[in-house]
Amino acid sequence: MGSRPAGAYLAAAAAAEAEIRDQGSIFLGLVQPIASAEQAKSELTAITARHPDATHHCWAWRLGAEPARERRSDAGEPAGTAGPPILRAIAGAGLSDTQVVVVRWFGGVKLGKGGLARAYTAAAQAALSAAPLVERVPVIELEITAAFSQVGAVKRLLRAPMVELRAERYDTAAVLRIAVWRDREPELRAALADLGLTPIAPVVP
């Protein structure tokens, strides 16, 4: 098996933040790594609780790849002036598994739709620029049921990080859970078929 990941993408590896000011308004961009929509919601709730005096808590996130799942919200700002610009900043940076929340404190001067979009974009981009990044590769989890005598042969197919053992249990047979890079799945299936191990049942996360 080769070693170059296909479909690899970047993600925020840790939280980061940056602040910009525009005609008295403060825009605080906050980046969080996320692994699920539920985690994104939890992070947003925590940020909202930390900044209850803010005028708006606008956000966007992307998860996974090929294709990425995306969500965004203007959170009371004029339609299209906050959530979409934040999402475009995330996508433009080539990131996924990442949420950006931009907290705004109104400074008394209306910025207009164009001004708001520019400010939210700038805050999101500044925060993303401050975030450390990590490369991720789309994976498929497979569950393999094998005779005890076949376990050694299956484990010889493991090639970290492309093919990794996530869990194993033993009862009347051995059940191995393996994570494989998505583009390497056909090769792994073929190798397991040579051992008489078919079918391989995908595990629903």
C-alpha atoms as a PDB file:
ATOM      1  CA  MET A   1       0.000   0.000   0.000  1.00  0.00           C
ATOM      2  CA  GLY A   2       1.170   3.538  -0.744  1.00  0.00           C
ATOM      3  CA  SER A   3       1.782   6.242   1.795  1.00  0.00           C
ATOM      4  CA  ARG A   4       0.259   9.410   0.339  1.00  0.00           C
ATOM      5  CA  PRO A   5      -3.217  10.208   1.698  1.00  0.00           C
ATOM      6  CA  ALA A   6      -5.954  11.084  -0.760  1.00  0.00           C
ATOM      7  CA  GLY A   7      -8.645  13.505   0.336  1.00  0.00           C
ATOM      8  CA  ALA A   8      -6.509  14.832   3.183  1.00  0.00           C
ATOM      9  CA  TYR A   9      -7.625  18.141   4.621  1.00  0.00           C
ATOM     10  CA  LEU A  10      -6.578  20.611   7.302  1.00  0.00           C
ATOM     11  CA  ALA A  11      -8.364  21.250  10.580  1.00  0.00           C
ATOM     12  CA  ALA A  12      -7.859  23.528  13.548  1.00  0.00           C
ATOM     13  CA  ALA A  13      -5.748  21.677  16.106  1.00  0.00           C
ATOM     14  CA  ALA A  14      -6.499  23.997  19.028  1.00  0.00           C
ATOM     15  CA  ALA A  15      -8.626  26.988  19.954  1.00  0.00           C
ATOM     16  CA  ALA A  16      -7.538  30.443  18.839  1.00  0.00           C
ATOM     17  CA  GLU A  17      -8.940  33.957  18.842  1.00  0.00           C
ATOM     18  CA  ALA A  18      -8.433  37.406  17.351  1.00  0.00           C
ATOM     19  CA  GLU A  19     -10.175  40.741  17.738  1.00  0.00           C
ATOM     20  CA  ILE A  20     -10.834  43.528  15.285  1.00  0.00           C
ATOM     21  CA  ARG A  21     -12.594  46.875  15.719  1.00  0.00           C
ATOM     22  CA  ASP A  22     -14.625  48.767  13.154  1.00  0.00           C
ATOM     23  CA  GLN A  23     -16.224  52.166  13.876  1.00  0.00           C
ATOM     24  CA  GLY A  24     -16.636  51.365  17.546  1.00  0.00           C
ATOM     25  CA  SER A  25     -17.911  47.819  17.143  1.00  0.00           C
ATOM     26  CA  ILE A  26     -15.782  44.981  18.494  1.00  0.00           C
ATOM     27  CA  PHE A  27     -15.644  41.675  16.619  1.00  0.00           C
ATOM     28  CA  LEU A  28     -14.047  38.783  18.525  1.00  0.00           C
ATOM     29  CA  GLY A  29     -13.309  35.755  16.344  1.00  0.00           C
ATOM     30  CA  LEU A  30     -13.087  32.423  18.161  1.00  0.00           C
ATOM     31  CA  VAL A  31     -11.904  29.181  16.543  1.00  0.00           C
ATOM     32  CA  GLN A  32     -12.680  25.738  17.987  1.00  0.00           C
ATOM     33  CA  PRO A  33     -11.740  22.274  16.723  1.00  0.00           C
ATOM     34  CA  ILE A  34     -14.898  20.162  16.494  1.00  0.00           C
ATOM     35  CA  ALA A  35     -15.661  16.523  15.782  1.00  0.00           C
ATOM     36  CA  SER A  36     -19.467  16.697  15.562  1.00  0.00           C
ATOM     37  CA  ALA A  37     -22.422  19.031  15.223  1.00  0.00           C
ATOM     38  CA  GLU A  38     -23.232  18.339  18.867  1.00  0.00           C
ATOM     39  CA  GLN A  39     -19.778  19.522  19.940  1.00  0.00           C
ATOM     40  CA  ALA A  40     -20.157  22.656  17.806  1.00  0.00           C
ATOM     41  CA  LYS A  41     -23.444  23.444  19.550  1.00  0.00           C
ATOM     42  CA  SER A  42     -21.877  22.870  22.958  1.00  0.00           C
ATOM     43  CA  GLU A  43     -18.957  25.195  22.150  1.00  0.00           C
ATOM     44  CA  LEU A  44     -21.373  27.883  20.934  1.00  0.00           C
ATOM     45  CA  THR A  45     -23.423  27.590  24.117  1.00  0.00           C
ATOM     46  CA  ALA A  46     -20.297  27.991  26.238  1.00  0.00           C
ATOM     47  CA  ILE A  47     -19.146  31.050  24.272  1.00  0.00           C
ATOM     48  CA  THR A  48     -22.583  32.647  24.523  1.00  0.00           C
ATOM     49  CA  ALA A  49     -22.537  32.101  28.289  1.00  0.00           C
ATOM     50  CA  ARG A  50     -19.071  33.693  28.556  1.00  0.00           C
ATOM     51  CA  HIS A  51     -20.144  36.787  26.620  1.00  0.00           C
ATOM     52  CA  PRO A  52     -23.771  37.447  27.620  1.00  0.00           C
ATOM     53  CA  ASP A  53     -23.406  41.199  27.045  1.00  0.00           C
ATOM     54  CA  ALA A  54     -22.565  40.804  23.334  1.00  0.00           C
ATOM     55  CA  THR A  55     -24.970  42.000  20.663  1.00  0.00           C
ATOM     56  CA  HIS A  56     -24.553  38.943  18.403  1.00  0.00           C
ATOM     57  CA  HIS A  57     -22.928  35.488  18.453  1.00  0.00           C
ATOM     58  CA  CYS A  58     -22.612  34.570  14.752  1.00  0.00           C
ATOM     59  CA  TRP A  59     -21.083  31.285  13.661  1.00  0.00           C
ATOM     60  CA  ALA A  60     -20.272  28.728  10.991  1.00  0.00           C
ATOM     61  CA  TRP A  61     -18.710  25.296  10.898  1.00  0.00           C
ATOM     62  CA  ARG A  62     -17.490  22.598   8.513  1.00  0.00           C
ATOM     63  CA  LEU A  63     -17.123  18.896   9.258  1.00  0.00           C
ATOM     64  CA  GLY A  64     -15.469  16.089   7.314  1.00  0.00           C
ATOM     65  CA  ALA A  65     -14.722  16.031   3.610  1.00  0.00           C
ATOM     66  CA  GLU A  66     -15.890  14.780   0.228  1.00  0.00           C
ATOM     67  CA  PRO A  67     -18.224  16.576   0.714  1.00  0.00           C
ATOM     68  CA  ALA A  68     -17.936  18.555   3.928  1.00  0.00           C
ATOM     69  CA  ARG A  69     -21.037  19.192   6.038  1.00  0.00           C
ATOM     70  CA  GLU A  70     -21.577  22.920   6.552  1.00  0.00           C
ATOM     71  CA  ARG A  71     -23.790  25.092   8.743  1.00  0.00           C
ATOM     72  CA  ARG A  72     -23.877  28.817   9.491  1.00  0.00           C
ATOM     73  CA  SER A  73     -26.006  31.431  11.220  1.00  0.00           C
ATOM     74  CA  ASP A  74     -26.339  35.210  11.006  1.00  0.00           C
ATOM     75  CA  ALA A  75     -27.719  35.166  14.577  1.00  0.00           C
ATOM     76  CA  GLY A  76     -29.877  38.229  14.082  1.00  0.00           C
ATOM     77  CA  GLU A  77     -27.592  40.207  11.774  1.00  0.00           C
ATOM     78  CA  PRO A  78     -29.007  41.105   8.316  1.00  0.00           C
ATOM     79  CA  ALA A  79     -29.308  37.976   6.172  1.00  0.00           C
ATOM     80  CA  GLY A  80     -26.045  36.892   4.592  1.00  0.00           C
ATOM     81  CA  THR A  81     -23.814  39.405   6.407  1.00  0.00           C
ATOM     82  CA  ALA A  82     -22.301  37.174   9.092  1.00  0.00           C
ATOM     83  CA  GLY A  83     -22.736  33.388   8.828  1.00  0.00           C
ATOM     84  CA  PRO A  84     -21.935  33.057   5.113  1.00  0.00           C
ATOM     85  CA  PRO A  85     -18.805  35.267   5.295  1.00  0.00           C
ATOM     86  CA  ILE A  86     -17.548  33.262   8.284  1.00  0.00           C
ATOM     87  CA  LEU A  87     -18.192  29.990   6.428  1.00  0.00           C
ATOM     88  CA  ARG A  88     -16.397  31.304   3.339  1.00  0.00           C
ATOM     89  CA  ALA A  89     -13.405  32.185   5.518  1.00  0.00           C
ATOM     90  CA  ILE A  90     -13.247  28.619   6.856  1.00  0.00           C
ATOM     91  CA  ALA A  91     -13.661  27.070   3.406  1.00  0.00           C
ATOM     92  CA  GLY A  92     -11.249  29.559   1.848  1.00  0.00           C
ATOM     93  CA  ALA A  93      -8.589  28.485   4.339  1.00  0.00           C
ATOM     94  CA  GLY A  94      -9.159  24.868   3.254  1.00  0.00           C
ATOM     95  CA  LEU A  95     -10.271  23.817   6.736  1.00  0.00           C
ATOM     96  CA  SER A  96     -12.843  21.380   8.058  1.00  0.00           C
ATOM     97  CA  ASP A  97     -13.650  19.926  11.512  1.00  0.00           C
ATOM     98  CA  THR A  98     -13.564  23.578  12.529  1.00  0.00           C
ATOM     99  CA  GLN A  99     -16.043  26.088  13.946  1.00  0.00           C
ATOM    100  CA  VAL A 100     -15.655  29.863  14.061  1.00  0.00           C
ATOM    101  CA  VAL A 101     -17.846  32.019  16.276  1.00  0.00           C
ATOM    102  CA  VAL A 102     -17.619  35.793  15.885  1.00  0.00           C
ATOM    103  CA  VAL A 103     -18.924  37.681  18.899  1.00  0.00           C
ATOM    104  CA  ARG A 104     -19.949  41.286  18.198  1.00  0.00           C
ATOM    105  CA  TRP A 105     -20.430  44.213  20.524  1.00  0.00           C
ATOM    106  CA  PHE A 106     -22.264  47.016  18.701  1.00  0.00           C
ATOM    107  CA  GLY A 107     -20.401  50.314  18.878  1.00  0.00           C
ATOM    108  CA  GLY A 108     -23.219  52.665  17.927  1.00  0.00           C
ATOM    109  CA  VAL A 109     -22.426  53.106  14.231  1.00  0.00           C
ATOM    110  CA  LYS A 110     -24.250  50.971  11.654  1.00  0.00           C
ATOM    111  CA  LEU A 111     -21.796  49.424   9.195  1.00  0.00           C
ATOM    112  CA  GLY A 112     -24.246  48.514   6.436  1.00  0.00           C
ATOM    113  CA  LYS A 113     -24.450  45.073   4.866  1.00  0.00           C
ATOM    114  CA  GLY A 114     -21.155  45.400   3.012  1.00  0.00           C
ATOM    115  CA  GLY A 115     -19.348  46.704   6.067  1.00  0.00           C
ATOM    116  CA  LEU A 116     -20.732  43.930   8.256  1.00  0.00           C
ATOM    117  CA  ALA A 117     -19.711  41.216   5.791  1.00  0.00           C
ATOM    118  CA  ARG A 118     -16.189  42.653   5.604  1.00  0.00           C
ATOM    119  CA  ALA A 119     -15.898  42.896   9.383  1.00  0.00           C
ATOM    120  CA  TYR A 120     -17.116  39.341  10.009  1.00  0.00           C
ATOM    121  CA  THR A 121     -14.802  38.064   7.286  1.00  0.00           C
ATOM    122  CA  ALA A 122     -11.829  39.907   8.763  1.00  0.00           C
ATOM    123  CA  ALA A 123     -12.509  38.650  12.297  1.00  0.00           C
ATOM    124  CA  ALA A 124     -12.890  35.059  11.116  1.00  0.00           C
ATOM    125  CA  GLN A 125      -9.761  35.206   8.966  1.00  0.00           C
ATOM    126  CA  ALA A 126      -7.705  36.756  11.758  1.00  0.00           C
ATOM    127  CA  ALA A 127      -8.753  34.059  14.220  1.00  0.00           C
ATOM    128  CA  LEU A 128      -8.127  31.275  11.695  1.00  0.00           C
ATOM    129  CA  SER A 129      -4.669  32.680  10.975  1.00  0.00           C
ATOM    130  CA  ALA A 130      -3.856  32.336  14.679  1.00  0.00           C
ATOM    131  CA  ALA A 131      -4.973  28.702  14.916  1.00  0.00           C
ATOM    132  CA  PRO A 132      -2.503  25.809  14.777  1.00  0.00           C
ATOM    133  CA  LEU A 133      -3.461  23.279  12.111  1.00  0.00           C
ATOM    134  CA  VAL A 134      -3.379  19.510  11.754  1.00  0.00           C
ATOM    135  CA  GLU A 135      -3.762  17.327   8.657  1.00  0.00           C
ATOM    136  CA  ARG A 136      -6.574  14.789   8.676  1.00  0.00           C
ATOM    137  CA  VAL A 137      -7.421  11.948   6.299  1.00  0.00           C
ATOM    138  CA  PRO A 138     -10.968  10.620   5.728  1.00  0.00           C
ATOM    139  CA  VAL A 139     -11.255   7.105   7.171  1.00  0.00           C
ATOM    140  CA  ILE A 140     -13.724   4.236   7.051  1.00  0.00           C
ATOM    141  CA  GLU A 141     -14.253   1.983  10.075  1.00  0.00           C
ATOM    142  CA  LEU A 142     -14.769  -1.691   9.285  1.00  0.00           C
ATOM    143  CA  GLU A 143     -15.674  -4.604  11.523  1.00  0.00           C
ATOM    144  CA  ILE A 144     -14.163  -7.973  10.717  1.00  0.00           C
ATOM    145  CA  THR A 145     -15.246 -11.281  12.227  1.00  0.00           C
ATOM    146  CA  ALA A 146     -12.504 -13.898  11.942  1.00  0.00           C
ATOM    147  CA  ALA A 147     -11.523 -17.254  13.331  1.00  0.00           C
ATOM    148  CA  PHE A 148      -8.896 -17.098  16.062  1.00  0.00           C
ATOM    149  CA  SER A 149      -6.439 -18.742  13.683  1.00  0.00           C
ATOM    150  CA  GLN A 150      -6.848 -15.844  11.229  1.00  0.00           C
ATOM    151  CA  VAL A 151      -6.159 -13.003  13.673  1.00  0.00           C
ATOM    152  CA  GLY A 152      -2.427 -12.975  13.032  1.00  0.00           C
ATOM    153  CA  ALA A 153      -2.938 -12.764   9.267  1.00  0.00           C
ATOM    154  CA  VAL A 154      -5.399  -9.899   9.670  1.00  0.00           C
ATOM    155  CA  LYS A 155      -3.056  -7.984  11.963  1.00  0.00           C
ATOM    156  CA  ARG A 156      -0.255  -8.362   9.440  1.00  0.00           C
ATOM    157  CA  LEU A 157      -2.350  -6.154   7.117  1.00  0.00           C
ATOM    158  CA  LEU A 158      -2.156  -3.240   9.567  1.00  0.00           C
ATOM    159  CA  ARG A 159      -0.037  -0.363   8.285  1.00  0.00           C
ATOM    160  CA  ALA A 160      -0.244   2.710  10.513  1.00  0.00           C
ATOM    161  CA  PRO A 161      -1.460   5.313   9.846  1.00  0.00           C
ATOM    162  CA  MET A 162      -3.208   3.965   6.724  1.00  0.00           C
ATOM    163  CA  VAL A 163      -4.710   0.891   8.379  1.00  0.00           C
ATOM    164  CA  GLU A 164      -5.030   0.860  12.162  1.00  0.00           C
ATOM    165  CA  LEU A 165      -6.636  -1.414  14.749  1.00  0.00           C
ATOM    166  CA  ARG A 166      -9.201   0.531  16.788  1.00  0.00           C
ATOM    167  CA  ALA A 167     -10.637  -2.266  18.951  1.00  0.00           C
ATOM    168  CA  GLU A 168     -10.795  -6.034  19.308  1.00  0.00           C
ATOM    169  CA  ARG A 169     -12.908  -8.481  21.258  1.00  0.00           C
ATOM    170  CA  TYR A 170     -12.945 -12.252  21.550  1.00  0.00           C
ATOM    171  CA  ASP A 171     -15.902 -14.557  22.136  1.00  0.00           C
ATOM    172  CA  THR A 172     -16.759 -17.488  19.899  1.00  0.00           C
ATOM    173  CA  ALA A 173     -14.773 -15.663  17.207  1.00  0.00           C
ATOM    174  CA  ALA A 174     -12.482 -12.654  16.998  1.00  0.00           C
ATOM    175  CA  VAL A 175     -14.069  -9.321  16.093  1.00  0.00           C
ATOM    176  CA  LEU A 176     -11.642  -6.629  14.977  1.00  0.00           C
ATOM    177  CA  ARG A 177     -12.531  -3.006  14.297  1.00  0.00           C
ATOM    178  CA  ILE A 178     -10.145  -1.435  11.798  1.00  0.00           C
ATOM    179  CA  ALA A 179      -9.891   2.138  10.564  1.00  0.00           C
ATOM    180  CA  VAL A 180      -8.628   2.487   6.999  1.00  0.00           C
ATOM    181  CA  TRP A 181      -7.980   5.542   4.870  1.00  0.00           C
ATOM    182  CA  ARG A 182     -10.958   5.851   2.552  1.00  0.00           C
ATOM    183  CA  ASP A 183      -8.890   5.540  -0.626  1.00  0.00           C
ATOM    184  CA  ARG A 184      -7.198   2.381   0.730  1.00  0.00           C
ATOM    185  CA  GLU A 185     -10.437   0.578   1.553  1.00  0.00           C
ATOM    186  CA  PRO A 186     -10.627  -1.387  -1.746  1.00  0.00           C
ATOM    187  CA  GLU A 187      -7.084  -2.726  -1.241  1.00  0.00           C
ATOM    188  CA  LEU A 188      -7.860  -3.821   2.307  1.00  0.00           C
ATOM    189  CA  ARG A 189     -11.099  -5.476   1.247  1.00  0.00           C
ATOM    190  CA  ALA A 190      -9.241  -7.383  -1.482  1.00  0.00           C
ATOM    191  CA  ALA A 191      -6.540  -8.540   0.938  1.00  0.00           C
ATOM    192  CA  LEU A 192      -9.134  -9.729   3.439  1.00  0.00           C
ATOM    193  CA  ALA A 193     -11.072 -11.479   0.682  1.00  0.00           C
ATOM    194  CA  ASP A 194      -7.901 -13.466  -0.055  1.00  0.00           C
ATOM    195  CA  LEU A 195      -8.140 -14.691   3.554  1.00  0.00           C
ATOM    196  CA  GLY A 196     -11.774 -15.690   3.018  1.00  0.00           C
ATOM    197  CA  LEU A 197     -13.001 -12.832   5.171  1.00  0.00           C
ATOM    198  CA  THR A 198     -16.034 -11.415   3.421  1.00  0.00           C
ATOM    199  CA  PRO A 199     -18.168  -9.495   3.821  1.00  0.00           C
ATOM    200  CA  ILE A 200     -16.766  -6.708   5.991  1.00  0.00           C
ATOM    201  CA  ALA A 201     -19.505  -4.788   7.759  1.00  0.00           C
ATOM    202  CA  PRO A 202     -19.033  -1.025   8.082  1.00  0.00           C
ATOM    203  CA  VAL A 203     -19.413   0.225  11.620  1.00  0.00           C
ATOM    204  CA  VAL A 204     -21.803   3.143  12.060  1.00  0.00           C
ATOM    205  CA  PRO A 205     -20.039   5.760  14.258  1.00  0.00           C
END
